[in-house]
Amino acid sequence: MDRAIDNLATAEEVAEYLRTSKAQLAQDRYRGIGPKFVKHGRRVLYRWTDVYAWTEANTMQRTDERAVPA
């Protein structure tokens, strides 16, 4: 049985995947520009599907393109 918890990632895992820092992810959460996240108490978790969707939504072909808010 596929459990939803198996599809969750920590901030550390997502930061490594995106090749950024946990601090940058925290700043993106504060500014509302990063991937959607789940709060479980004080712990921040990410659904991999949301991380992949955010990555797709922020894929550009030119440097002068602007990101479209999700």
PDB file of N, CA and C in Angstrom:
ATOM      1  N   MET A   1       0.844  -1.182   0.000  1.00  0.00           N
ATOM      2  CA  MET A   1       0.000   0.000   0.000  1.00  0.00           C
ATOM      3  C   MET A   1       0.885   1.239   0.000  1.00  0.00           C
ATOM      4  N   ASP A   2       0.608   2.166  -0.884  1.00  0.00           N
ATOM      5  CA  ASP A   2       1.382   3.400  -0.983  1.00  0.00           C
ATOM      6  C   ASP A   2       0.917   4.367   0.102  1.00  0.00           C
ATOM      7  N   ARG A   3       1.807   4.699   0.988  1.00  0.00           N
ATOM      8  CA  ARG A   3       1.466   5.624   2.070  1.00  0.00           C
ATOM      9  C   ARG A   3       1.891   7.021   1.683  1.00  0.00           C
ATOM     10  N   ALA A   4       1.059   8.017   2.006  1.00  0.00           N
ATOM     11  CA  ALA A   4       1.364   9.405   1.667  1.00  0.00           C
ATOM     12  C   ALA A   4       2.664   9.860   2.315  1.00  0.00           C
ATOM     13  N   ILE A   5       2.972   9.355   3.501  1.00  0.00           N
ATOM     14  CA  ILE A   5       4.183   9.772   4.206  1.00  0.00           C
ATOM     15  C   ILE A   5       5.432   9.412   3.402  1.00  0.00           C
ATOM     16  N   ASP A   6       5.357   8.356   2.597  1.00  0.00           N
ATOM     17  CA  ASP A   6       6.501   7.956   1.775  1.00  0.00           C
ATOM     18  C   ASP A   6       6.813   8.980   0.694  1.00  0.00           C
ATOM     19  N   ASN A   7       5.854   9.826   0.367  1.00  0.00           N
ATOM     20  CA  ASN A   7       6.028  10.824  -0.675  1.00  0.00           C
ATOM     21  C   ASN A   7       6.408  12.189  -0.119  1.00  0.00           C
ATOM     22  N   LEU A   8       6.710  12.266   1.172  1.00  0.00           N
ATOM     23  CA  LEU A   8       7.096  13.530   1.793  1.00  0.00           C
ATOM     24  C   LEU A   8       8.608  13.615   1.911  1.00  0.00           C
ATOM     25  N   ALA A   9       9.110  14.828   1.809  1.00  0.00           N
ATOM     26  CA  ALA A   9      10.549  15.058   1.913  1.00  0.00           C
ATOM     27  C   ALA A   9      10.810  16.146   2.942  1.00  0.00           C
ATOM     28  N   THR A  10      11.949  16.066   3.579  1.00  0.00           N
ATOM     29  CA  THR A  10      12.365  17.104   4.519  1.00  0.00           C
ATOM     30  C   THR A  10      12.926  18.293   3.739  1.00  0.00           C
ATOM     31  N   ALA A  11      13.082  19.405   4.434  1.00  0.00           N
ATOM     32  CA  ALA A  11      13.692  20.583   3.816  1.00  0.00           C
ATOM     33  C   ALA A  11      15.111  20.264   3.358  1.00  0.00           C
ATOM     34  N   GLU A  12      15.818  19.444   4.133  1.00  0.00           N
ATOM     35  CA  GLU A  12      17.177  19.056   3.752  1.00  0.00           C
ATOM     36  C   GLU A  12      17.186  18.310   2.418  1.00  0.00           C
ATOM     37  N   GLU A  13      16.247  17.371   2.262  1.00  0.00           N
ATOM     38  CA  GLU A  13      16.182  16.586   1.029  1.00  0.00           C
ATOM     39  C   GLU A  13      15.830  17.460  -0.172  1.00  0.00           C
ATOM     40  N   VAL A  14      14.878  18.364   0.023  1.00  0.00           N
ATOM     41  CA  VAL A  14      14.474  19.244  -1.076  1.00  0.00           C
ATOM     42  C   VAL A  14      15.592  20.220  -1.422  1.00  0.00           C
ATOM     43  N   ALA A  15      16.259  20.752  -0.415  1.00  0.00           N
ATOM     44  CA  ALA A  15      17.381  21.666  -0.668  1.00  0.00           C
ATOM     45  C   ALA A  15      18.463  20.961  -1.478  1.00  0.00           C
ATOM     46  N   GLU A  16      18.751  19.725  -1.135  1.00  0.00           N
ATOM     47  CA  GLU A  16      19.757  18.967  -1.883  1.00  0.00           C
ATOM     48  C   GLU A  16      19.296  18.740  -3.321  1.00  0.00           C
ATOM     49  N   TYR A  17      18.034  18.369  -3.494  1.00  0.00           N
ATOM     50  CA  TYR A  17      17.489  18.132  -4.834  1.00  0.00           C
ATOM     51  C   TYR A  17      17.560  19.396  -5.693  1.00  0.00           C
ATOM     52  N   LEU A  18      17.210  20.551  -5.095  1.00  0.00           N
ATOM     53  CA  LEU A  18      17.201  21.816  -5.830  1.00  0.00           C
ATOM     54  C   LEU A  18      18.570  22.490  -5.870  1.00  0.00           C
ATOM     55  N   ARG A  19      19.536  21.879  -5.197  1.00  0.00           N
ATOM     56  CA  ARG A  19      20.899  22.427  -5.107  1.00  0.00           C
ATOM     57  C   ARG A  19      20.887  23.843  -4.537  1.00  0.00           C
ATOM     58  N   THR A  20      20.201  23.961  -3.410  1.00  0.00           N
ATOM     59  CA  THR A  20      20.130  25.224  -2.686  1.00  0.00           C
ATOM     60  C   THR A  20      20.304  24.921  -1.209  1.00  0.00           C
ATOM     61  N   SER A  21      20.110  25.914  -0.364  1.00  0.00           N
ATOM     62  CA  SER A  21      20.279  25.714   1.075  1.00  0.00           C
ATOM     63  C   SER A  21      18.923  25.662   1.777  1.00  0.00           C
ATOM     64  N   LYS A  22      18.937  25.111   2.979  1.00  0.00           N
ATOM     65  CA  LYS A  22      17.723  25.125   3.807  1.00  0.00           C
ATOM     66  C   LYS A  22      17.314  26.557   4.102  1.00  0.00           C
ATOM     67  N   ALA A  23      18.290  27.435   4.297  1.00  0.00           N
ATOM     68  CA  ALA A  23      17.993  28.846   4.582  1.00  0.00           C
ATOM     69  C   ALA A  23      17.272  29.495   3.402  1.00  0.00           C
ATOM     70  N   GLN A  24      17.684  29.167   2.184  1.00  0.00           N
ATOM     71  CA  GLN A  24      17.011  29.728   1.009  1.00  0.00           C
ATOM     72  C   GLN A  24      15.588  29.201   0.906  1.00  0.00           C
ATOM     73  N   LEU A  25      15.381  27.929   1.192  1.00  0.00           N
ATOM     74  CA  LEU A  25      14.020  27.378   1.196  1.00  0.00           C
ATOM     75  C   LEU A  25      13.158  28.079   2.238  1.00  0.00           C
ATOM     76  N   ALA A  26      13.721  28.339   3.413  1.00  0.00           N
ATOM     77  CA  ALA A  26      12.980  29.044   4.468  1.00  0.00           C
ATOM     78  C   ALA A  26      12.602  30.444   4.002  1.00  0.00           C
ATOM     79  N   GLN A  27      13.531  31.126   3.347  1.00  0.00           N
ATOM     80  CA  GLN A  27      13.252  32.468   2.834  1.00  0.00           C
ATOM     81  C   GLN A  27      12.169  32.415   1.752  1.00  0.00           C
ATOM     82  N   ASP A  28      12.223  31.415   0.902  1.00  0.00           N
ATOM     83  CA  ASP A  28      11.201  31.251  -0.133  1.00  0.00           C
ATOM     84  C   ASP A  28       9.833  30.966   0.481  1.00  0.00           C
ATOM     85  N   ARG A  29       9.797  30.180   1.562  1.00  0.00           N
ATOM     86  CA  ARG A  29       8.523  29.937   2.256  1.00  0.00           C
ATOM     87  C   ARG A  29       7.979  31.239   2.810  1.00  0.00           C
ATOM     88  N   TYR A  30       8.826  32.028   3.436  1.00  0.00           N
ATOM     89  CA  TYR A  30       8.418  33.302   4.029  1.00  0.00           C
ATOM     90  C   TYR A  30       7.863  34.247   2.960  1.00  0.00           C
ATOM     91  N   ARG A  31       8.525  34.279   1.814  1.00  0.00           N
ATOM     92  CA  ARG A  31       8.120  35.176   0.733  1.00  0.00           C
ATOM     93  C   ARG A  31       6.978  34.605  -0.110  1.00  0.00           C
ATOM     94  N   GLY A  32       6.666  33.320   0.094  1.00  0.00           N
ATOM     95  CA  GLY A  32       5.581  32.688  -0.648  1.00  0.00           C
ATOM     96  C   GLY A  32       5.922  32.381  -2.093  1.00  0.00           C
ATOM     97  N   ILE A  33       7.211  32.151  -2.380  1.00  0.00           N
ATOM     98  CA  ILE A  33       7.617  31.915  -3.766  1.00  0.00           C
ATOM     99  C   ILE A  33       8.190  30.520  -3.999  1.00  0.00           C
ATOM    100  N   GLY A  34       8.288  29.716  -2.970  1.00  0.00           N
ATOM    101  CA  GLY A  34       8.863  28.382  -3.111  1.00  0.00           C
ATOM    102  C   GLY A  34       7.798  27.334  -3.330  1.00  0.00           C
ATOM    103  N   PRO A  35       8.213  26.077  -3.323  1.00  0.00           N
ATOM    104  CA  PRO A  35       7.250  24.984  -3.468  1.00  0.00           C
ATOM    105  C   PRO A  35       6.266  24.965  -2.292  1.00  0.00           C
ATOM    106  N   LYS A  36       5.066  24.452  -2.549  1.00  0.00           N
ATOM    107  CA  LYS A  36       4.100  24.273  -1.463  1.00  0.00           C
ATOM    108  C   LYS A  36       4.710  23.349  -0.425  1.00  0.00           C
ATOM    109  N   PHE A  37       4.315  23.539   0.821  1.00  0.00           N
ATOM    110  CA  PHE A  37       4.868  22.718   1.895  1.00  0.00           C
ATOM    111  C   PHE A  37       3.790  22.370   2.901  1.00  0.00           C
ATOM    112  N   VAL A  38       4.098  21.400   3.743  1.00  0.00           N
ATOM    113  CA  VAL A  38       3.193  20.917   4.781  1.00  0.00           C
ATOM    114  C   VAL A  38       3.852  21.180   6.122  1.00  0.00           C
ATOM    115  N   LYS A  39       3.078  21.694   7.083  1.00  0.00           N
ATOM    116  CA  LYS A  39       3.604  21.868   8.438  1.00  0.00           C
ATOM    117  C   LYS A  39       3.001  20.780   9.314  1.00  0.00           C
ATOM    118  N   HIS A  40       3.849  20.055   9.981  1.00  0.00           N
ATOM    119  CA  HIS A  40       3.418  19.049  10.949  1.00  0.00           C
ATOM    120  C   HIS A  40       4.044  19.472  12.266  1.00  0.00           C
ATOM    121  N   GLY A  41       3.260  20.182  13.079  1.00  0.00           N
ATOM    122  CA  GLY A  41       3.834  20.803  14.274  1.00  0.00           C
ATOM    123  C   GLY A  41       4.790  21.891  13.827  1.00  0.00           C
ATOM    124  N   ARG A  42       6.031  21.798  14.260  1.00  0.00           N
ATOM    125  CA  ARG A  42       7.044  22.767  13.840  1.00  0.00           C
ATOM    126  C   ARG A  42       7.849  22.277  12.642  1.00  0.00           C
ATOM    127  N   ARG A  43       7.605  21.054  12.251  1.00  0.00           N
ATOM    128  CA  ARG A  43       8.379  20.451  11.165  1.00  0.00           C
ATOM    129  C   ARG A  43       7.798  20.820   9.801  1.00  0.00           C
ATOM    130  N   VAL A  44       8.666  21.171   8.881  1.00  0.00           N
ATOM    131  CA  VAL A  44       8.270  21.509   7.514  1.00  0.00           C
ATOM    132  C   VAL A  44       8.596  20.327   6.613  1.00  0.00           C
ATOM    133  N   LEU A  45       7.602  19.898   5.851  1.00  0.00           N
ATOM    134  CA  LEU A  45       7.772  18.796   4.909  1.00  0.00           C
ATOM    135  C   LEU A  45       7.247  19.227   3.545  1.00  0.00           C
ATOM    136  N   TYR A  46       7.732  18.586   2.525  1.00  0.00           N
ATOM    137  CA  TYR A  46       7.321  18.877   1.156  1.00  0.00           C
ATOM    138  C   TYR A  46       6.824  17.605   0.497  1.00  0.00           C
ATOM    139  N   ARG A  47       5.770  17.725  -0.306  1.00  0.00           N
ATOM    140  CA  ARG A  47       5.341  16.611  -1.148  1.00  0.00           C
ATOM    141  C   ARG A  47       6.198  16.668  -2.411  1.00  0.00           C
ATOM    142  N   TRP A  48       6.756  15.540  -2.803  1.00  0.00           N
ATOM    143  CA  TRP A  48       7.587  15.524  -4.006  1.00  0.00           C
ATOM    144  C   TRP A  48       6.807  15.998  -5.219  1.00  0.00           C
ATOM    145  N   THR A  49       5.526  15.668  -5.303  1.00  0.00           N
ATOM    146  CA  THR A  49       4.728  16.118  -6.452  1.00  0.00           C
ATOM    147  C   THR A  49       4.668  17.638  -6.509  1.00  0.00           C
ATOM    148  N   ASP A  50       4.592  18.303  -5.342  1.00  0.00           N
ATOM    149  CA  ASP A  50       4.579  19.770  -5.309  1.00  0.00           C
ATOM    150  C   ASP A  50       5.933  20.347  -5.705  1.00  0.00           C
ATOM    151  N   VAL A  51       7.009  19.692  -5.280  1.00  0.00           N
ATOM    152  CA  VAL A  51       8.358  20.150  -5.648  1.00  0.00           C
ATOM    153  C   VAL A  51       8.540  20.037  -7.160  1.00  0.00           C
ATOM    154  N   TYR A  52       8.138  18.898  -7.747  1.00  0.00           N
ATOM    155  CA  TYR A  52       8.272  18.714  -9.190  1.00  0.00           C
ATOM    156  C   TYR A  52       7.407  19.726  -9.950  1.00  0.00           C
ATOM    157  N   ALA A  53       6.179  19.960  -9.470  1.00  0.00           N
ATOM    158  CA  ALA A  53       5.284  20.921 -10.125  1.00  0.00           C
ATOM    159  C   ALA A  53       5.862  22.329 -10.061  1.00  0.00           C
ATOM    160  N   TRP A  54       6.422  22.703  -8.914  1.00  0.00           N
ATOM    161  CA  TRP A  54       7.035  24.023  -8.762  1.00  0.00           C
ATOM    162  C   TRP A  54       8.229  24.170  -9.708  1.00  0.00           C
ATOM    163  N   THR A  55       9.016  23.112  -9.827  1.00  0.00           N
ATOM    164  CA  THR A  55      10.163  23.136 -10.729  1.00  0.00           C
ATOM    165  C   THR A  55       9.704  23.335 -12.172  1.00  0.00           C
ATOM    166  N   GLU A  56       8.672  22.614 -12.575  1.00  0.00           N
ATOM    167  CA  GLU A  56       8.140  22.764 -13.934  1.00  0.00           C
ATOM    168  C   GLU A  56       7.608  24.176 -14.166  1.00  0.00           C
ATOM    169  N   ALA A  57       6.890  24.718 -13.185  1.00  0.00           N
ATOM    170  CA  ALA A  57       6.310  26.057 -13.318  1.00  0.00           C
ATOM    171  C   ALA A  57       7.383  27.140 -13.381  1.00  0.00           C
ATOM    172  N   ASN A  58       8.568  26.848 -12.887  1.00  0.00           N
ATOM    173  CA  ASN A  58       9.649  27.830 -12.870  1.00  0.00           C
ATOM    174  C   ASN A  58      10.752  27.503 -13.871  1.00  0.00           C
ATOM    175  N   THR A  59      10.425  26.702 -14.867  1.00  0.00           N
ATOM    176  CA  THR A  59      11.375  26.378 -15.926  1.00  0.00           C
ATOM    177  C   THR A  59      11.262  27.439 -17.015  1.00  0.00           C
ATOM    178  N   MET A  60      12.383  28.040 -17.363  1.00  0.00           N
ATOM    179  CA  MET A  60      12.414  29.132 -18.338  1.00  0.00           C
ATOM    180  C   MET A  60      13.245  28.724 -19.552  1.00  0.00           C
ATOM    181  N   GLN A  61      13.011  29.407 -20.656  1.00  0.00           N
ATOM    182  CA  GLN A  61      13.833  29.203 -21.845  1.00  0.00           C
ATOM    183  C   GLN A  61      14.765  30.381 -22.085  1.00  0.00           C
ATOM    184  N   ARG A  62      14.440  31.534 -21.510  1.00  0.00           N
ATOM    185  CA  ARG A  62      15.258  32.738 -21.698  1.00  0.00           C
ATOM    186  C   ARG A  62      15.467  33.414 -20.353  1.00  0.00           C
ATOM    187  N   THR A  63      16.554  34.132 -20.230  1.00  0.00           N
ATOM    188  CA  THR A  63      16.859  34.790 -18.958  1.00  0.00           C
ATOM    189  C   THR A  63      15.978  35.999 -18.692  1.00  0.00           C
ATOM    190  N   ASP A  64      15.333  36.553 -19.719  1.00  0.00           N
ATOM    191  CA  ASP A  64      14.485  37.726 -19.502  1.00  0.00           C
ATOM    192  C   ASP A  64      13.018  37.369 -19.274  1.00  0.00           C
ATOM    193  N   GLU A  65      12.713  36.080 -19.168  1.00  0.00           N
ATOM    194  CA  GLU A  65      11.346  35.652 -18.863  1.00  0.00           C
ATOM    195  C   GLU A  65      11.048  35.870 -17.390  1.00  0.00           C
ATOM    196  N   ARG A  66       9.792  36.144 -17.087  1.00  0.00           N
ATOM    197  CA  ARG A  66       9.364  36.277 -15.698  1.00  0.00           C
ATOM    198  C   ARG A  66       8.589  35.037 -15.309  1.00  0.00           C
ATOM    199  N   ALA A  67       8.779  34.625 -14.084  1.00  0.00           N
ATOM    200  CA  ALA A  67       8.040  33.465 -13.576  1.00  0.00           C
ATOM    201  C   ALA A  67       6.580  33.841 -13.398  1.00  0.00           C
ATOM    202  N   VAL A  68       5.712  32.910 -13.705  1.00  0.00           N
ATOM    203  CA  VAL A  68       4.281  33.107 -13.511  1.00  0.00           C
ATOM    204  C   VAL A  68       3.924  32.511 -12.164  1.00  0.00           C
ATOM    205  N   PRO A  69       3.310  33.300 -11.252  1.00  0.00           N
ATOM    206  CA  PRO A  69       2.959  32.753  -9.930  1.00  0.00           C
ATOM    207  C   PRO A  69       2.050  31.540 -10.058  1.00  0.00           C
ATOM    208  N   ALA A  70       2.332  30.536  -9.252  1.00  0.00           N
ATOM    209  CA  ALA A  70       1.533  29.303  -9.283  1.00  0.00           C
ATOM    210  C   ALA A  70       0.224  29.480  -8.570  1.00  0.00           C
TER     211      ALA A  70
END
